[in-house]
Amino acid sequence: MPAPFGNLHLVNSLPAQQGISVPSPLSGLVFPLQQANDALVAAGLCGEGVLIQLQSNRLLAPFDGTCQRLDQAGQHIILRQHNGLRLDIHFPPQCMDHHGKGFDWQIQEQAKINKGQCLLQFDLALFSNWLDAPYCVMTLPQHTKFNRIWSRPCYHQALVDPLFLIELKTTEPG
């Protein structure tokens, strides 16, 4: 179920339509954002998105753009595509509590990124000591050009399966 008044729709198959396709930067099972432990994230206050139960140990660049870490631990990461699209990645707060232990950055801060490039390797076994099921939250901050956002609640393979399909608003000739 999407956030109230939200544009995100979880469906079994993505519609065949034009839009921006965002490949999954991580491999894992996708669940509704409402299953996040953080009440603010679950309510959609960080943007519309999904929760990914991690099943790999690498974060890959889903597009060309830039990568920004908002903290030294790497708990909050922002990926920006050249066209302005922004993808926020939130690792669980327990990662911040452990001061970045288990994170092995493959790029410098504020780095330019290329689609498919490994940005981060993390210790999934170590995260399993802190969390029942290691997860990551992927959100798209509100954008005036977005109409509907589609995602599938199933297993996604990094860079193979589209995590989001974004339908853009059309402008009426006037």
N, C-alpha and C. Protein backbone atom coordinates (compact mmCIF):
# COMPACT_ATOMS: atom_id res chain seq x y z
N MET A 1 0.84 -1.18 0.00
CA MET A 1 0.00 0.00 0.00
C MET A 1 0.89 1.24 0.00
N PRO A 2 0.69 2.15 -0.93
CA PRO A 2 1.51 3.35 -0.99
C PRO A 2 1.15 4.31 0.14
N ALA A 3 2.02 5.30 0.35
CA ALA A 3 1.76 6.33 1.34
C ALA A 3 0.49 7.08 0.95
N PRO A 4 -0.25 7.63 1.95
CA PRO A 4 -1.46 8.37 1.62
C PRO A 4 -1.15 9.47 0.60
N PHE A 5 -1.98 9.59 -0.39
CA PHE A 5 -1.85 10.58 -1.45
C PHE A 5 -0.55 10.43 -2.24
N GLY A 6 0.06 9.25 -2.16
CA GLY A 6 1.33 9.03 -2.82
C GLY A 6 1.19 8.64 -4.28
N ASN A 7 2.31 8.69 -4.96
CA ASN A 7 2.36 8.33 -6.38
C ASN A 7 2.92 6.94 -6.59
N LEU A 8 3.43 6.29 -5.54
CA LEU A 8 4.06 4.98 -5.69
C LEU A 8 3.01 3.88 -5.73
N HIS A 9 3.14 3.00 -6.73
CA HIS A 9 2.23 1.88 -6.88
C HIS A 9 3.06 0.60 -6.94
N LEU A 10 2.80 -0.33 -6.03
CA LEU A 10 3.47 -1.63 -6.04
C LEU A 10 2.59 -2.58 -6.83
N VAL A 11 3.16 -3.13 -7.89
CA VAL A 11 2.40 -3.98 -8.81
C VAL A 11 3.21 -5.24 -9.11
N ASN A 12 2.52 -6.27 -9.61
CA ASN A 12 3.20 -7.52 -9.93
C ASN A 12 4.04 -7.42 -11.20
N SER A 13 3.60 -6.59 -12.15
CA SER A 13 4.39 -6.37 -13.36
C SER A 13 4.32 -4.89 -13.71
N LEU A 14 5.45 -4.37 -14.17
CA LEU A 14 5.52 -2.95 -14.51
C LEU A 14 4.74 -2.69 -15.79
N PRO A 15 4.05 -1.56 -15.87
CA PRO A 15 3.31 -1.24 -17.09
C PRO A 15 4.25 -0.97 -18.26
N ALA A 16 3.78 -1.23 -19.44
CA ALA A 16 4.57 -0.95 -20.65
C ALA A 16 4.27 0.48 -21.06
N GLN A 17 5.09 1.40 -20.59
CA GLN A 17 4.90 2.80 -20.94
C GLN A 17 6.22 3.53 -20.85
N GLN A 18 6.24 4.72 -21.41
CA GLN A 18 7.44 5.53 -21.41
C GLN A 18 7.67 6.09 -20.01
N GLY A 19 8.92 6.33 -19.71
CA GLY A 19 9.25 6.92 -18.42
C GLY A 19 10.72 6.72 -18.13
N ILE A 20 11.09 7.03 -16.92
CA ILE A 20 12.46 6.84 -16.46
C ILE A 20 12.53 5.53 -15.70
N SER A 21 13.39 4.64 -16.15
CA SER A 21 13.59 3.36 -15.48
C SER A 21 14.86 3.47 -14.63
N VAL A 22 14.73 3.15 -13.34
CA VAL A 22 15.86 3.20 -12.42
C VAL A 22 16.20 1.77 -12.01
N PRO A 23 17.33 1.22 -12.50
CA PRO A 23 17.70 -0.14 -12.11
C PRO A 23 18.00 -0.22 -10.61
N SER A 24 17.77 -1.37 -10.05
CA SER A 24 18.07 -1.56 -8.63
C SER A 24 19.58 -1.53 -8.41
N PRO A 25 20.06 -0.71 -7.46
CA PRO A 25 21.49 -0.66 -7.18
C PRO A 25 21.96 -1.78 -6.25
N LEU A 26 21.00 -2.53 -5.70
CA LEU A 26 21.29 -3.62 -4.76
C LEU A 26 20.48 -4.84 -5.14
N SER A 27 20.95 -6.01 -4.77
CA SER A 27 20.16 -7.23 -4.95
C SER A 27 19.45 -7.55 -3.65
N GLY A 28 18.18 -7.92 -3.76
CA GLY A 28 17.43 -8.29 -2.58
C GLY A 28 15.94 -8.29 -2.83
N LEU A 29 15.20 -8.61 -1.78
CA LEU A 29 13.74 -8.66 -1.84
C LEU A 29 13.17 -7.29 -1.54
N VAL A 30 12.24 -6.84 -2.37
CA VAL A 30 11.62 -5.53 -2.21
C VAL A 30 10.30 -5.68 -1.44
N PHE A 31 10.12 -4.80 -0.45
CA PHE A 31 8.91 -4.77 0.37
C PHE A 31 8.37 -3.35 0.42
N PRO A 32 7.09 -3.18 0.80
CA PRO A 32 6.54 -1.83 0.95
C PRO A 32 7.31 -1.05 2.02
N LEU A 33 7.42 0.23 1.82
CA LEU A 33 8.14 1.10 2.74
C LEU A 33 7.52 1.07 4.14
N GLN A 34 6.25 0.77 4.23
CA GLN A 34 5.56 0.73 5.52
C GLN A 34 6.14 -0.33 6.46
N GLN A 35 6.96 -1.24 5.95
CA GLN A 35 7.56 -2.26 6.80
C GLN A 35 8.87 -1.80 7.43
N ALA A 36 9.28 -0.56 7.16
CA ALA A 36 10.51 -0.03 7.76
C ALA A 36 10.30 0.15 9.27
N ASN A 37 11.38 -0.03 10.05
CA ASN A 37 11.32 0.12 11.50
C ASN A 37 11.17 1.58 11.93
N ASP A 38 11.67 2.49 11.13
CA ASP A 38 11.62 3.92 11.43
C ASP A 38 10.24 4.45 11.04
N ALA A 39 9.49 4.98 12.01
CA ALA A 39 8.12 5.44 11.77
C ALA A 39 8.06 6.56 10.74
N LEU A 40 9.02 7.47 10.74
CA LEU A 40 9.01 8.57 9.79
C LEU A 40 9.25 8.08 8.36
N VAL A 41 10.16 7.12 8.20
CA VAL A 41 10.42 6.54 6.89
C VAL A 41 9.19 5.75 6.43
N ALA A 42 8.63 4.95 7.33
CA ALA A 42 7.45 4.13 6.99
C ALA A 42 6.27 4.99 6.58
N ALA A 43 6.16 6.20 7.14
CA ALA A 43 5.06 7.11 6.81
C ALA A 43 5.28 7.84 5.49
N GLY A 44 6.46 7.68 4.89
CA GLY A 44 6.74 8.31 3.62
C GLY A 44 7.28 9.72 3.72
N LEU A 45 7.72 10.14 4.90
CA LEU A 45 8.22 11.50 5.08
C LEU A 45 9.59 11.73 4.47
N CYS A 46 10.30 10.67 4.10
CA CYS A 46 11.60 10.80 3.43
C CYS A 46 11.45 10.69 1.92
N GLY A 47 10.23 10.59 1.45
CA GLY A 47 9.96 10.39 0.04
C GLY A 47 9.30 9.05 -0.18
N GLU A 48 8.89 8.83 -1.40
CA GLU A 48 8.25 7.56 -1.70
C GLU A 48 9.31 6.55 -2.08
N GLY A 49 9.11 5.31 -1.66
CA GLY A 49 10.13 4.32 -1.95
C GLY A 49 9.77 2.94 -1.46
N VAL A 50 10.82 2.15 -1.34
CA VAL A 50 10.67 0.75 -0.94
C VAL A 50 11.78 0.36 0.04
N LEU A 51 11.57 -0.75 0.68
CA LEU A 51 12.55 -1.35 1.57
C LEU A 51 13.12 -2.57 0.85
N ILE A 52 14.44 -2.72 0.85
CA ILE A 52 15.08 -3.88 0.22
C ILE A 52 15.78 -4.70 1.28
N GLN A 53 15.35 -5.96 1.43
CA GLN A 53 16.04 -6.89 2.32
C GLN A 53 17.27 -7.36 1.55
N LEU A 54 18.44 -7.02 2.07
CA LEU A 54 19.70 -7.21 1.35
C LEU A 54 20.07 -8.68 1.18
N GLN A 55 20.48 -9.03 -0.04
CA GLN A 55 20.94 -10.38 -0.34
C GLN A 55 22.23 -10.36 -1.13
N SER A 56 22.93 -9.25 -1.07
CA SER A 56 24.25 -9.14 -1.68
C SER A 56 25.06 -8.17 -0.84
N ASN A 57 26.31 -7.97 -1.20
CA ASN A 57 27.16 -7.11 -0.37
C ASN A 57 27.73 -5.92 -1.13
N ARG A 58 27.09 -5.55 -2.27
CA ARG A 58 27.62 -4.44 -3.06
C ARG A 58 26.52 -3.48 -3.46
N LEU A 59 26.84 -2.19 -3.38
CA LEU A 59 25.99 -1.12 -3.88
C LEU A 59 26.59 -0.67 -5.21
N LEU A 60 25.81 -0.79 -6.29
CA LEU A 60 26.27 -0.45 -7.63
C LEU A 60 25.57 0.82 -8.11
N ALA A 61 26.25 1.60 -8.92
CA ALA A 61 25.66 2.82 -9.47
C ALA A 61 24.59 2.44 -10.49
N PRO A 62 23.33 2.86 -10.27
CA PRO A 62 22.27 2.52 -11.22
C PRO A 62 22.25 3.40 -12.46
N PHE A 63 23.04 4.49 -12.42
CA PHE A 63 23.08 5.44 -13.55
C PHE A 63 24.34 6.28 -13.44
N ASP A 64 24.62 7.04 -14.48
CA ASP A 64 25.72 8.00 -14.45
C ASP A 64 25.28 9.21 -13.63
N GLY A 65 26.19 9.76 -12.85
CA GLY A 65 25.83 10.93 -12.04
C GLY A 65 26.86 11.20 -10.98
N THR A 66 26.38 11.50 -9.76
CA THR A 66 27.26 11.77 -8.62
C THR A 66 26.75 11.02 -7.39
N CYS A 67 27.67 10.80 -6.47
CA CYS A 67 27.36 10.12 -5.21
C CYS A 67 27.79 11.03 -4.06
N GLN A 68 26.91 11.20 -3.09
CA GLN A 68 27.20 12.03 -1.93
C GLN A 68 26.85 11.25 -0.67
N ARG A 69 27.79 11.23 0.27
CA ARG A 69 27.52 10.63 1.58
C ARG A 69 27.17 11.76 2.53
N LEU A 70 26.12 11.58 3.29
CA LEU A 70 25.72 12.63 4.22
C LEU A 70 26.31 12.41 5.61
N ASP A 71 26.99 11.30 5.81
CA ASP A 71 27.65 11.05 7.09
C ASP A 71 28.85 10.14 6.84
N GLN A 72 29.77 10.11 7.75
CA GLN A 72 30.99 9.31 7.58
C GLN A 72 30.71 7.82 7.61
N ALA A 73 29.66 7.42 8.32
CA ALA A 73 29.34 6.00 8.40
C ALA A 73 28.76 5.47 7.09
N GLY A 74 28.20 6.36 6.28
CA GLY A 74 27.59 5.91 5.03
C GLY A 74 26.16 5.47 5.20
N GLN A 75 25.56 5.81 6.32
CA GLN A 75 24.19 5.39 6.59
C GLN A 75 23.20 6.06 5.64
N HIS A 76 23.48 7.28 5.18
CA HIS A 76 22.60 7.99 4.25
C HIS A 76 23.41 8.43 3.04
N ILE A 77 22.99 7.98 1.87
CA ILE A 77 23.70 8.22 0.62
C ILE A 77 22.71 8.82 -0.38
N ILE A 78 23.18 9.78 -1.16
CA ILE A 78 22.35 10.38 -2.20
C ILE A 78 23.05 10.16 -3.55
N LEU A 79 22.31 9.57 -4.48
CA LEU A 79 22.79 9.42 -5.85
C LEU A 79 21.98 10.38 -6.72
N ARG A 80 22.67 11.15 -7.54
CA ARG A 80 22.00 12.10 -8.43
C ARG A 80 22.37 11.78 -9.88
N GLN A 81 21.34 11.67 -10.69
CA GLN A 81 21.55 11.47 -12.12
C GLN A 81 21.71 12.85 -12.76
N HIS A 82 22.36 12.92 -13.90
CA HIS A 82 22.61 14.20 -14.56
C HIS A 82 21.32 14.96 -14.90
N ASN A 83 20.21 14.24 -15.09
CA ASN A 83 18.94 14.90 -15.42
C ASN A 83 18.22 15.45 -14.20
N GLY A 84 18.81 15.32 -13.00
CA GLY A 84 18.21 15.86 -11.78
C GLY A 84 17.55 14.81 -10.89
N LEU A 85 17.34 13.61 -11.40
CA LEU A 85 16.74 12.56 -10.58
C LEU A 85 17.61 12.29 -9.36
N ARG A 86 16.97 12.13 -8.22
CA ARG A 86 17.69 11.89 -6.97
C ARG A 86 17.17 10.60 -6.34
N LEU A 87 18.09 9.72 -5.96
CA LEU A 87 17.77 8.47 -5.27
C LEU A 87 18.46 8.50 -3.92
N ASP A 88 17.69 8.45 -2.85
CA ASP A 88 18.24 8.43 -1.49
C ASP A 88 18.30 7.00 -1.00
N ILE A 89 19.42 6.64 -0.40
CA ILE A 89 19.63 5.29 0.13
C ILE A 89 19.90 5.43 1.62
N HIS A 90 19.11 4.73 2.42
CA HIS A 90 19.23 4.80 3.87
C HIS A 90 19.54 3.40 4.40
N PHE A 91 20.74 3.22 4.95
CA PHE A 91 21.03 1.99 5.65
C PHE A 91 20.46 2.11 7.06
N PRO A 92 20.22 1.02 7.78
CA PRO A 92 19.61 1.08 9.11
C PRO A 92 20.43 1.94 10.08
N PRO A 93 19.75 2.56 11.05
CA PRO A 93 20.45 3.40 12.04
C PRO A 93 21.55 2.65 12.80
N GLN A 94 21.44 1.34 12.92
CA GLN A 94 22.46 0.55 13.61
C GLN A 94 23.82 0.71 12.94
N CYS A 95 23.83 0.97 11.64
CA CYS A 95 25.11 1.19 10.94
C CYS A 95 25.78 2.45 11.45
N MET A 96 25.01 3.48 11.73
CA MET A 96 25.55 4.72 12.29
C MET A 96 26.05 4.45 13.72
N ASP A 97 25.32 3.64 14.47
CA ASP A 97 25.72 3.32 15.84
C ASP A 97 27.08 2.64 15.89
N HIS A 98 27.44 1.94 14.82
CA HIS A 98 28.72 1.22 14.76
C HIS A 98 29.78 2.00 13.98
N HIS A 99 29.53 3.30 13.75
CA HIS A 99 30.51 4.24 13.19
C HIS A 99 31.10 3.78 11.86
N GLY A 100 30.27 3.18 11.01
CA GLY A 100 30.72 2.81 9.68
C GLY A 100 31.44 1.48 9.60
N LYS A 101 31.50 0.76 10.70
CA LYS A 101 32.14 -0.56 10.66
C LYS A 101 31.38 -1.45 9.68
N GLY A 102 32.12 -2.13 8.82
CA GLY A 102 31.51 -3.01 7.83
C GLY A 102 31.30 -2.36 6.48
N PHE A 103 31.64 -1.05 6.35
CA PHE A 103 31.52 -0.33 5.08
C PHE A 103 32.90 -0.19 4.46
N ASP A 104 33.03 -0.58 3.20
CA ASP A 104 34.29 -0.43 2.46
C ASP A 104 33.99 0.37 1.20
N TRP A 105 34.22 1.68 1.28
CA TRP A 105 33.91 2.57 0.16
C TRP A 105 34.89 2.35 -0.98
N GLN A 106 34.36 2.26 -2.18
CA GLN A 106 35.15 2.04 -3.39
C GLN A 106 35.37 3.35 -4.16
N ILE A 107 34.77 4.43 -3.68
CA ILE A 107 34.89 5.74 -4.34
C ILE A 107 35.16 6.81 -3.29
N GLN A 108 35.61 7.96 -3.75
CA GLN A 108 35.82 9.11 -2.87
C GLN A 108 34.48 9.82 -2.66
N GLU A 109 34.42 10.66 -1.60
CA GLU A 109 33.21 11.45 -1.37
C GLU A 109 32.99 12.41 -2.52
N GLN A 110 31.74 12.72 -2.81
CA GLN A 110 31.34 13.64 -3.87
C GLN A 110 31.83 13.18 -5.25
N ALA A 111 31.97 11.89 -5.43
CA ALA A 111 32.53 11.34 -6.67
C ALA A 111 31.52 11.32 -7.81
N LYS A 112 32.05 11.46 -9.02
CA LYS A 112 31.25 11.19 -10.21
C LYS A 112 31.18 9.68 -10.33
N ILE A 113 30.02 9.19 -10.74
CA ILE A 113 29.83 7.74 -10.84
C ILE A 113 29.38 7.37 -12.25
N ASN A 114 29.69 6.14 -12.62
CA ASN A 114 29.27 5.57 -13.90
C ASN A 114 28.39 4.36 -13.65
N LYS A 115 27.36 4.22 -14.45
CA LYS A 115 26.43 3.10 -14.30
C LYS A 115 27.21 1.79 -14.22
N GLY A 116 26.89 0.98 -13.22
CA GLY A 116 27.52 -0.33 -13.04
C GLY A 116 28.72 -0.31 -12.12
N GLN A 117 29.24 0.87 -11.81
CA GLN A 117 30.42 1.00 -10.96
C GLN A 117 30.08 0.59 -9.52
N CYS A 118 30.97 -0.16 -8.89
CA CYS A 118 30.79 -0.52 -7.49
C CYS A 118 31.11 0.70 -6.63
N LEU A 119 30.15 1.15 -5.85
CA LEU A 119 30.31 2.32 -4.99
C LEU A 119 30.72 1.93 -3.57
N LEU A 120 30.18 0.81 -3.13
CA LEU A 120 30.36 0.40 -1.74
C LEU A 120 30.26 -1.11 -1.63
N GLN A 121 31.17 -1.68 -0.85
CA GLN A 121 31.03 -3.08 -0.45
C GLN A 121 30.78 -3.06 1.05
N PHE A 122 29.88 -3.89 1.51
CA PHE A 122 29.56 -3.91 2.93
C PHE A 122 29.51 -5.35 3.42
N ASP A 123 29.70 -5.50 4.72
CA ASP A 123 29.79 -6.81 5.35
C ASP A 123 28.40 -7.25 5.80
N LEU A 124 27.72 -7.98 4.95
CA LEU A 124 26.35 -8.42 5.22
C LEU A 124 26.29 -9.33 6.45
N ALA A 125 27.30 -10.17 6.64
CA ALA A 125 27.33 -11.05 7.81
C ALA A 125 27.44 -10.24 9.10
N LEU A 126 28.25 -9.17 9.09
CA LEU A 126 28.37 -8.30 10.25
C LEU A 126 27.04 -7.60 10.54
N PHE A 127 26.39 -7.09 9.49
CA PHE A 127 25.09 -6.43 9.67
C PHE A 127 24.07 -7.39 10.28
N SER A 128 24.18 -8.67 9.95
CA SER A 128 23.25 -9.68 10.49
C SER A 128 23.40 -9.83 12.00
N ASN A 129 24.54 -9.42 12.56
CA ASN A 129 24.70 -9.44 14.02
C ASN A 129 23.88 -8.33 14.67
N TRP A 130 23.62 -7.25 13.94
CA TRP A 130 22.90 -6.10 14.49
C TRP A 130 21.42 -6.10 14.14
N LEU A 131 21.07 -6.78 13.06
CA LEU A 131 19.71 -6.73 12.51
C LEU A 131 19.20 -8.13 12.25
N ASP A 132 17.92 -8.34 12.45
CA ASP A 132 17.32 -9.65 12.13
C ASP A 132 17.43 -9.93 10.64
N ALA A 133 17.10 -8.94 9.84
CA ALA A 133 17.18 -9.07 8.39
C ALA A 133 17.77 -7.76 7.86
N PRO A 134 19.04 -7.76 7.48
CA PRO A 134 19.66 -6.53 6.97
C PRO A 134 18.87 -5.94 5.81
N TYR A 135 18.64 -4.65 5.87
CA TYR A 135 17.83 -3.99 4.85
C TYR A 135 18.39 -2.62 4.52
N CYS A 136 17.80 -2.05 3.50
CA CYS A 136 18.15 -0.72 3.03
C CYS A 136 16.85 -0.09 2.55
N VAL A 137 16.71 1.20 2.72
CA VAL A 137 15.53 1.91 2.24
C VAL A 137 15.93 2.77 1.05
N MET A 138 15.17 2.68 -0.03
CA MET A 138 15.41 3.48 -1.24
C MET A 138 14.23 4.41 -1.41
N THR A 139 14.50 5.72 -1.45
CA THR A 139 13.42 6.68 -1.62
C THR A 139 13.72 7.66 -2.74
N LEU A 140 12.66 8.15 -3.34
CA LEU A 140 12.73 9.19 -4.36
C LEU A 140 12.05 10.42 -3.77
N PRO A 141 12.82 11.47 -3.46
CA PRO A 141 12.17 12.69 -2.97
C PRO A 141 11.17 13.21 -3.99
N GLN A 142 10.13 13.86 -3.51
CA GLN A 142 9.09 14.39 -4.39
C GLN A 142 9.69 15.24 -5.49
N HIS A 143 9.16 15.10 -6.65
CA HIS A 143 9.63 15.87 -7.80
C HIS A 143 8.40 16.34 -8.57
N THR A 144 8.37 17.59 -8.97
CA THR A 144 7.19 18.14 -9.65
C THR A 144 6.92 17.49 -11.00
N LYS A 145 7.92 16.84 -11.59
CA LYS A 145 7.72 16.21 -12.91
C LYS A 145 7.25 14.77 -12.82
N PHE A 146 7.18 14.19 -11.60
CA PHE A 146 6.74 12.80 -11.44
C PHE A 146 5.22 12.72 -11.43
N ASN A 147 4.68 11.77 -12.17
CA ASN A 147 3.26 11.47 -12.09
C ASN A 147 3.12 10.23 -11.21
N ARG A 148 3.22 9.05 -11.80
CA ARG A 148 3.17 7.82 -11.02
C ARG A 148 4.55 7.19 -10.97
N ILE A 149 4.79 6.45 -9.89
CA ILE A 149 6.03 5.68 -9.73
C ILE A 149 5.60 4.24 -9.52
N TRP A 150 6.21 3.34 -10.26
CA TRP A 150 5.86 1.92 -10.20
C TRP A 150 7.04 1.13 -9.67
N SER A 151 6.76 0.10 -8.87
CA SER A 151 7.79 -0.83 -8.41
C SER A 151 7.13 -2.19 -8.18
N ARG A 152 7.95 -3.22 -8.15
CA ARG A 152 7.44 -4.58 -7.93
C ARG A 152 7.94 -5.13 -6.61
N PRO A 153 7.06 -5.66 -5.75
CA PRO A 153 7.48 -6.26 -4.48
C PRO A 153 7.93 -7.71 -4.70
N CYS A 154 9.18 -7.88 -5.12
CA CYS A 154 9.72 -9.21 -5.41
C CYS A 154 11.25 -9.11 -5.35
N TYR A 155 11.93 -10.18 -5.69
CA TYR A 155 13.40 -10.16 -5.73
C TYR A 155 13.87 -9.30 -6.90
N HIS A 156 14.86 -8.45 -6.65
CA HIS A 156 15.48 -7.63 -7.69
C HIS A 156 16.98 -7.94 -7.71
N GLN A 157 17.50 -8.16 -8.90
CA GLN A 157 18.94 -8.33 -9.06
C GLN A 157 19.53 -6.98 -9.45
N ALA A 158 20.63 -6.62 -8.79
CA ALA A 158 21.27 -5.33 -9.04
C ALA A 158 21.58 -5.14 -10.51
N LEU A 159 21.21 -3.99 -11.03
CA LEU A 159 21.43 -3.54 -12.40
C LEU A 159 20.69 -4.34 -13.46
N VAL A 160 19.97 -5.37 -13.07
CA VAL A 160 19.20 -6.18 -14.04
C VAL A 160 17.73 -5.79 -14.00
N ASP A 161 17.17 -5.72 -12.81
CA ASP A 161 15.74 -5.45 -12.65
C ASP A 161 15.50 -3.97 -12.33
N PRO A 162 14.50 -3.37 -12.98
CA PRO A 162 14.18 -1.98 -12.65
C PRO A 162 13.54 -1.90 -11.26
N LEU A 163 14.11 -1.07 -10.41
CA LEU A 163 13.55 -0.86 -9.07
C LEU A 163 12.34 0.08 -9.15
N PHE A 164 12.48 1.14 -9.96
CA PHE A 164 11.40 2.10 -10.15
C PHE A 164 11.20 2.37 -11.64
N LEU A 165 9.96 2.53 -12.03
CA LEU A 165 9.61 3.08 -13.33
C LEU A 165 8.83 4.35 -13.02
N ILE A 166 9.36 5.47 -13.47
CA ILE A 166 8.76 6.77 -13.15
C ILE A 166 8.05 7.29 -14.39
N GLU A 167 6.76 7.49 -14.24
CA GLU A 167 5.94 8.08 -15.30
C GLU A 167 6.02 9.59 -15.11
N LEU A 168 6.42 10.29 -16.15
CA LEU A 168 6.55 11.74 -16.06
C LEU A 168 5.22 12.41 -16.39
N LYS A 169 4.99 13.56 -15.77
CA LYS A 169 3.78 14.33 -16.07
C LYS A 169 3.92 14.89 -17.47
N THR A 170 2.81 14.92 -18.17
CA THR A 170 2.80 15.52 -19.50
C THR A 170 2.26 16.93 -19.37
N THR A 171 2.79 17.81 -20.17
CA THR A 171 2.32 19.20 -20.15
C THR A 171 1.28 19.37 -21.24
N GLU A 172 0.18 19.95 -20.86
CA GLU A 172 -0.91 20.19 -21.80
C GLU A 172 -0.58 21.43 -22.63
N PRO A 173 -0.74 21.36 -23.94
CA PRO A 173 -0.52 22.57 -24.75
C PRO A 173 -1.56 23.62 -24.35
N GLY A 174 -1.11 24.82 -24.18
CA GLY A 174 -2.08 25.79 -23.72
C GLY A 174 -1.86 27.06 -24.34
